[in-house]
C-alpha atoms as a PDB file:
ATOM      1  CA  MET A   1     114.421 108.954  30.859  1.00  0.00           C
ATOM      2  CA  LEU A   2     114.911 105.218  30.349  1.00  0.00           C
ATOM      3  CA  ILE A   3     115.098 103.985  26.761  1.00  0.00           C
ATOM      4  CA  LYS A   4     114.617 100.271  26.055  1.00  0.00           C
ATOM      5  CA  ILE A   5     116.028  99.187  22.679  1.00  0.00           C
ATOM      6  CA  THR A   6     115.163  95.670  21.492  1.00  0.00           C
ATOM      7  CA  LYS A   7     116.129  95.931  17.795  1.00  0.00           C
ATOM      8  CA  TYR A   8     119.356  97.083  16.197  1.00  0.00           C
ATOM      9  CA  GLU A   9     117.399  99.275  13.779  1.00  0.00           C
ATOM     10  CA  ASP A  10     116.188 101.385  16.722  1.00  0.00           C
ATOM     11  CA  LEU A  11     119.726 102.055  17.939  1.00  0.00           C
ATOM     12  CA  ASP A  12     121.377 105.440  17.434  1.00  0.00           C
ATOM     13  CA  GLU A  13     124.855 104.137  16.639  1.00  0.00           C
ATOM     14  CA  ARG A  14     126.649 107.458  17.087  1.00  0.00           C
ATOM     15  CA  LYS A  15     125.079 108.261  20.449  1.00  0.00           C
ATOM     16  CA  LEU A  16     125.853 104.772  21.742  1.00  0.00           C
ATOM     17  CA  MET A  17     129.441 104.809  20.514  1.00  0.00           C
ATOM     18  CA  ASP A  18     129.941 108.209  22.156  1.00  0.00           C
ATOM     19  CA  ILE A  19     129.129 106.547  25.497  1.00  0.00           C
ATOM     20  CA  TYR A  20     131.661 103.776  24.866  1.00  0.00           C
ATOM     21  CA  SER A  21     134.311 105.987  23.207  1.00  0.00           C
ATOM     22  CA  GLU A  22     136.854 105.752  26.012  1.00  0.00           C
ATOM     23  CA  SER A  23     136.543 101.969  26.343  1.00  0.00           C
ATOM     24  CA  ASN A  24     136.710 101.527  22.589  1.00  0.00           C
ATOM     25  CA  TYR A  25     139.946 103.520  22.526  1.00  0.00           C
ATOM     26  CA  GLU A  26     141.339 101.495  25.449  1.00  0.00           C
ATOM     27  CA  ASN A  27     140.477  98.254  23.622  1.00  0.00           C
ATOM     28  CA  THR A  28     142.556  99.120  20.557  1.00  0.00           C
ATOM     29  CA  ASP A  29     145.670  97.375  21.903  1.00  0.00           C
ATOM     30  CA  TYR A  30     143.685  94.207  22.588  1.00  0.00           C
ATOM     31  CA  PHE A  31     141.796  93.985  19.294  1.00  0.00           C
ATOM     32  CA  PHE A  32     144.257  95.690  16.920  1.00  0.00           C
ATOM     33  CA  PRO A  33     147.729  95.496  18.512  1.00  0.00           C
ATOM     34  CA  ASP A  34     149.517  95.916  15.167  1.00  0.00           C
ATOM     35  CA  GLU A  35     147.651  99.088  14.141  1.00  0.00           C
ATOM     36  CA  PRO A  36     149.921 102.091  14.893  1.00  0.00           C
ATOM     37  CA  ASP A  37     147.191 104.668  14.193  1.00  0.00           C
ATOM     38  CA  LYS A  38     145.115 104.640  17.405  1.00  0.00           C
ATOM     39  CA  GLU A  39     142.288 106.679  15.874  1.00  0.00           C
ATOM     40  CA  LYS A  40     141.975 104.191  13.018  1.00  0.00           C
ATOM     41  CA  ALA A  41     142.133 101.302  15.491  1.00  0.00           C
ATOM     42  CA  ALA A  42     139.405 102.949  17.611  1.00  0.00           C
ATOM     43  CA  ARG A  43     137.168 103.210  14.527  1.00  0.00           C
ATOM     44  CA  GLN A  44     137.811  99.510  13.863  1.00  0.00           C
ATOM     45  CA  VAL A  45     136.908  98.619  17.459  1.00  0.00           C
ATOM     46  CA  GLU A  46     133.744 100.708  17.110  1.00  0.00           C
ATOM     47  CA  ALA A  47     132.802  98.956  13.849  1.00  0.00           C
ATOM     48  CA  GLY A  48     133.377  95.577  15.491  1.00  0.00           C
ATOM     49  CA  PHE A  49     131.255  96.578  18.485  1.00  0.00           C
ATOM     50  CA  LEU A  50     128.364  97.638  16.244  1.00  0.00           C
ATOM     51  CA  ASP A  51     128.725  94.467  14.168  1.00  0.00           C
ATOM     52  CA  PHE A  52     128.543  92.404  17.378  1.00  0.00           C
ATOM     53  CA  LEU A  53     125.355  94.187  18.421  1.00  0.00           C
ATOM     54  CA  LYS A  54     123.748  93.818  15.003  1.00  0.00           C
ATOM     55  CA  ASN A  55     124.713  90.241  14.168  1.00  0.00           C
ATOM     56  CA  ASP A  56     125.137  88.571  17.545  1.00  0.00           C
ATOM     57  CA  PHE A  57     123.742  90.384  20.556  1.00  0.00           C
ATOM     58  CA  PHE A  58     120.280  91.242  19.235  1.00  0.00           C
ATOM     59  CA  SER A  59     119.792  87.610  18.160  1.00  0.00           C
ATOM     60  CA  LYS A  60     119.918  86.515  21.819  1.00  0.00           C
ATOM     61  CA  PRO A  61     116.729  85.927  23.823  1.00  0.00           C
ATOM     62  CA  GLU A  62     115.269  89.074  25.349  1.00  0.00           C
ATOM     63  CA  ALA A  63     118.288  91.163  24.286  1.00  0.00           C
ATOM     64  CA  VAL A  64     117.986  94.809  25.312  1.00  0.00           C
ATOM     65  CA  VAL A  65     120.244  97.842  25.186  1.00  0.00           C
ATOM     66  CA  TRP A  66     119.111 100.167  27.965  1.00  0.00           C
ATOM     67  CA  VAL A  67     119.977 103.868  27.835  1.00  0.00           C
ATOM     68  CA  CYS A  68     119.680 106.720  30.312  1.00  0.00           C
ATOM     69  CA  GLU A  69     118.792 109.804  28.269  1.00  0.00           C
ATOM     70  CA  GLU A  70     118.243 113.416  29.241  1.00  0.00           C
ATOM     71  CA  ASN A  71     117.247 116.217  26.847  1.00  0.00           C
ATOM     72  CA  GLY A  72     118.227 114.116  23.834  1.00  0.00           C
ATOM     73  CA  THR A  73     121.676 113.274  25.209  1.00  0.00           C
ATOM     74  CA  TRP A  74     122.562 109.648  25.881  1.00  0.00           C
ATOM     75  CA  LEU A  75     124.331 109.580  29.242  1.00  0.00           C
ATOM     76  CA  SER A  76     124.763 105.934  30.195  1.00  0.00           C
ATOM     77  CA  ALA A  77     124.068 102.502  28.701  1.00  0.00           C
ATOM     78  CA  LEU A  78     124.128  98.789  29.466  1.00  0.00           C
ATOM     79  CA  ARG A  79     123.025  95.527  27.872  1.00  0.00           C
ATOM     80  CA  THR A  80     120.931  92.657  29.207  1.00  0.00           C
ATOM     81  CA  CYS A  81     119.878  89.349  27.706  1.00  0.00           C
ATOM     82  CA  LYS A  82     118.464  86.072  28.928  1.00  0.00           C
ATOM     83  CA  VAL A  83     120.876  83.162  29.244  1.00  0.00           C
ATOM     84  CA  ARG A  84     119.182  79.975  30.402  1.00  0.00           C
ATOM     85  CA  ASP A  85     117.401  80.879  33.660  1.00  0.00           C
ATOM     86  CA  VAL A  86     119.128  84.212  34.371  1.00  0.00           C
ATOM     87  CA  TYR A  87     119.448  87.637  32.856  1.00  0.00           C
ATOM     88  CA  TYR A  88     123.009  88.677  32.148  1.00  0.00           C
ATOM     89  CA  LEU A  89     124.032  92.326  32.406  1.00  0.00           C
ATOM     90  CA  GLU A  90     127.133  93.682  30.743  1.00  0.00           C
ATOM     91  CA  ALA A  91     128.801  96.843  29.509  1.00  0.00           C
ATOM     92  CA  LEU A  92     127.488  99.343  32.056  1.00  0.00           C
ATOM     93  CA  GLU A  93     129.160 102.555  30.967  1.00  0.00           C
ATOM     94  CA  THR A  94     128.641 106.280  31.356  1.00  0.00           C
ATOM     95  CA  HIS A  95     129.710 108.858  28.779  1.00  0.00           C
ATOM     96  CA  PRO A  96     133.191 110.115  29.778  1.00  0.00           C
ATOM     97  CA  ASP A  97     131.928 113.717  30.097  1.00  0.00           C
ATOM     98  CA  GLN A  98     129.053 112.663  32.365  1.00  0.00           C
ATOM     99  CA  ARG A  99     130.827 110.517  34.959  1.00  0.00           C
ATOM    100  CA  LYS A 100     130.534 111.007  38.716  1.00  0.00           C
ATOM    101  CA  LYS A 101     127.048 112.461  38.345  1.00  0.00           C
ATOM    102  CA  GLY A 102     125.126 109.307  39.306  1.00  0.00           C
ATOM    103  CA  TYR A 103     123.900 108.379  35.817  1.00  0.00           C
ATOM    104  CA  GLY A 104     125.215 104.805  36.005  1.00  0.00           C
ATOM    105  CA  ALA A 105     123.315 104.193  39.241  1.00  0.00           C
ATOM    106  CA  LEU A 106     120.251 105.962  37.856  1.00  0.00           C
ATOM    107  CA  LEU A 107     120.270 103.702  34.793  1.00  0.00           C
ATOM    108  CA  LEU A 108     120.918 100.513  36.740  1.00  0.00           C
ATOM    109  CA  SER A 109     118.131 101.303  39.225  1.00  0.00           C
ATOM    110  CA  ALA A 110     115.712 102.148  36.407  1.00  0.00           C
ATOM    111  CA  VAL A 111     116.505  98.868  34.614  1.00  0.00           C
ATOM    112  CA  VAL A 112     115.943  96.875  37.817  1.00  0.00           C
ATOM    113  CA  ASP A 113     112.634  98.698  38.399  1.00  0.00           C
ATOM    114  CA  ALA A 114     111.515  97.997  34.813  1.00  0.00           C
ATOM    115  CA  MET A 115     112.405  94.321  35.169  1.00  0.00           C
ATOM    116  CA  LYS A 116     110.502  94.059  38.465  1.00  0.00           C
ATOM    117  CA  LYS A 117     107.313  94.956  36.590  1.00  0.00           C
ATOM    118  CA  GLU A 118     107.770  91.782  34.515  1.00  0.00           C
ATOM    119  CA  GLY A 119     107.988  89.473  37.554  1.00  0.00           C
ATOM    120  CA  PRO A 120     110.693  87.499  39.377  1.00  0.00           C
ATOM    121  CA  PHE A 121     114.217  87.500  37.960  1.00  0.00           C
ATOM    122  CA  ARG A 122     117.870  86.927  38.688  1.00  0.00           C
ATOM    123  CA  LEU A 123     120.210  89.496  37.108  1.00  0.00           C
ATOM    124  CA  CYS A 124     123.911  88.564  37.038  1.00  0.00           C
ATOM    125  CA  ASP A 125     126.988  90.567  36.136  1.00  0.00           C
ATOM    126  CA  CYS A 126     130.744  90.272  36.419  1.00  0.00           C
ATOM    127  CA  VAL A 127     132.815  93.329  37.279  1.00  0.00           C
ATOM    128  CA  SER A 128     136.575  93.728  37.455  1.00  0.00           C
ATOM    129  CA  LYS A 129     137.869  93.622  41.015  1.00  0.00           C
ATOM    130  CA  LYS A 130     139.833  96.781  40.132  1.00  0.00           C
ATOM    131  CA  ASN A 131     136.750  98.705  38.934  1.00  0.00           C
ATOM    132  CA  LEU A 132     135.761 100.199  42.281  1.00  0.00           C
ATOM    133  CA  PRO A 133     133.356 102.805  40.829  1.00  0.00           C
ATOM    134  CA  SER A 134     131.338 100.086  39.064  1.00  0.00           C
ATOM    135  CA  LEU A 135     131.385  97.791  42.101  1.00  0.00           C
ATOM    136  CA  LYS A 136     130.114 100.643  44.305  1.00  0.00           C
ATOM    137  CA  THR A 137     127.410 101.498  41.766  1.00  0.00           C
ATOM    138  CA  HIS A 138     126.216  97.890  41.625  1.00  0.00           C
ATOM    139  CA  GLU A 139     126.168  97.557  45.410  1.00  0.00           C
ATOM    140  CA  LYS A 140     124.335 100.902  45.742  1.00  0.00           C
ATOM    141  CA  CYS A 141     121.661  99.496  43.415  1.00  0.00           C
ATOM    142  CA  GLY A 142     121.187  96.312  45.451  1.00  0.00           C
ATOM    143  CA  PHE A 143     123.614  93.911  43.784  1.00  0.00           C
ATOM    144  CA  ARG A 144     125.601  91.560  45.994  1.00  0.00           C
ATOM    145  CA  ILE A 145     128.960  89.952  45.352  1.00  0.00           C
ATOM    146  CA  VAL A 146     128.221  86.228  45.136  1.00  0.00           C
ATOM    147  CA  SER A 147     131.527  84.825  43.873  1.00  0.00           C
ATOM    148  CA  GLU A 148     135.238  85.619  43.821  1.00  0.00           C
ATOM    149  CA  GLY A 149     135.349  84.770  40.124  1.00  0.00           C
ATOM    150  CA  GLY A 150     133.046  86.522  37.684  1.00  0.00           C
ATOM    151  CA  TYR A 151     131.185  84.243  35.282  1.00  0.00           C
ATOM    152  CA  ASP A 152     130.622  85.512  31.756  1.00  0.00           C
ATOM    153  CA  TYR A 153     127.368  83.857  30.711  1.00  0.00           C
ATOM    154  CA  LEU A 154     127.901  84.647  27.030  1.00  0.00           C
ATOM    155  CA  LEU A 155     131.425  83.247  26.802  1.00  0.00           C
ATOM    156  CA  GLU A 156     130.680  80.586  29.433  1.00  0.00           C
ATOM    157  CA  GLU A 157     133.912  81.181  31.299  1.00  0.00           C
ATOM    158  CA  THR A 158     135.057  82.332  34.716  1.00  0.00           C
ATOM    159  CA  ASP A 159     137.575  85.110  35.241  1.00  0.00           C
ATOM    160  CA  ASP A 160     139.331  85.372  38.602  1.00  0.00           C
ATOM    161  CA  ARG A 161     140.026  89.066  37.916  1.00  0.00           C
ATOM    162  CA  ASP A 162     136.279  89.732  38.270  1.00  0.00           C
ATOM    163  CA  PHE A 163     133.679  89.416  40.993  1.00  0.00           C
ATOM    164  CA  GLY A 164     130.379  87.715  40.245  1.00  0.00           C
ATOM    165  CA  LEU A 165     127.462  89.968  41.207  1.00  0.00           C
ATOM    166  CA  GLU A 166     123.768  89.264  41.415  1.00  0.00           C
ATOM    167  CA  TYR A 167     120.454  91.007  41.961  1.00  0.00           C
ATOM    168  CA  ARG A 168     117.472  88.811  42.835  1.00  0.00           C
ATOM    169  CA  TYR A 169     113.841  89.803  42.747  1.00  0.00           C
ATOM    170  CA  PRO A 170     112.220  88.980  44.968  1.00  0.00           C
ATOM    171  CA  GLU A 171     115.155  88.602  47.319  1.00  0.00           C
ATOM    172  CA  ALA A 172     115.995  85.001  48.172  1.00  0.00           C
END
């Protein structure tokens, strides 16, 4: 089932952080390089992530956290928001215990289908050139690589380590 969350108050923080647990742990060295206790650092990353959602992300136009849920379990999540004339997608992630079961593609396809009901759109994302599973998932769901450098619409910067991807509806 697709869940569309448009307000922080409707977010189940624990279920969402369970999806991002592995990435949060991996981000400890970046955000808290001087913290020797990795569990403590992971909790700090998690708190920062939730603070970002509450105080920054949900203040953006048409900000949505989309979740793929089955039998009360949150399996996969991503975020979208409107930036100028495009929608920007970020943070597509599947719970570590649920990977390689197609939930990322299921979520991405469901989000695209939901957006189609609202009319024409351009949905952009940037994905690491090394993240082959995510690139394959995006391409399976109709995204095309449109640039060698991924453009982060929120930070307004290009990263040559990423590809820029795009889904257009209707197709151009």
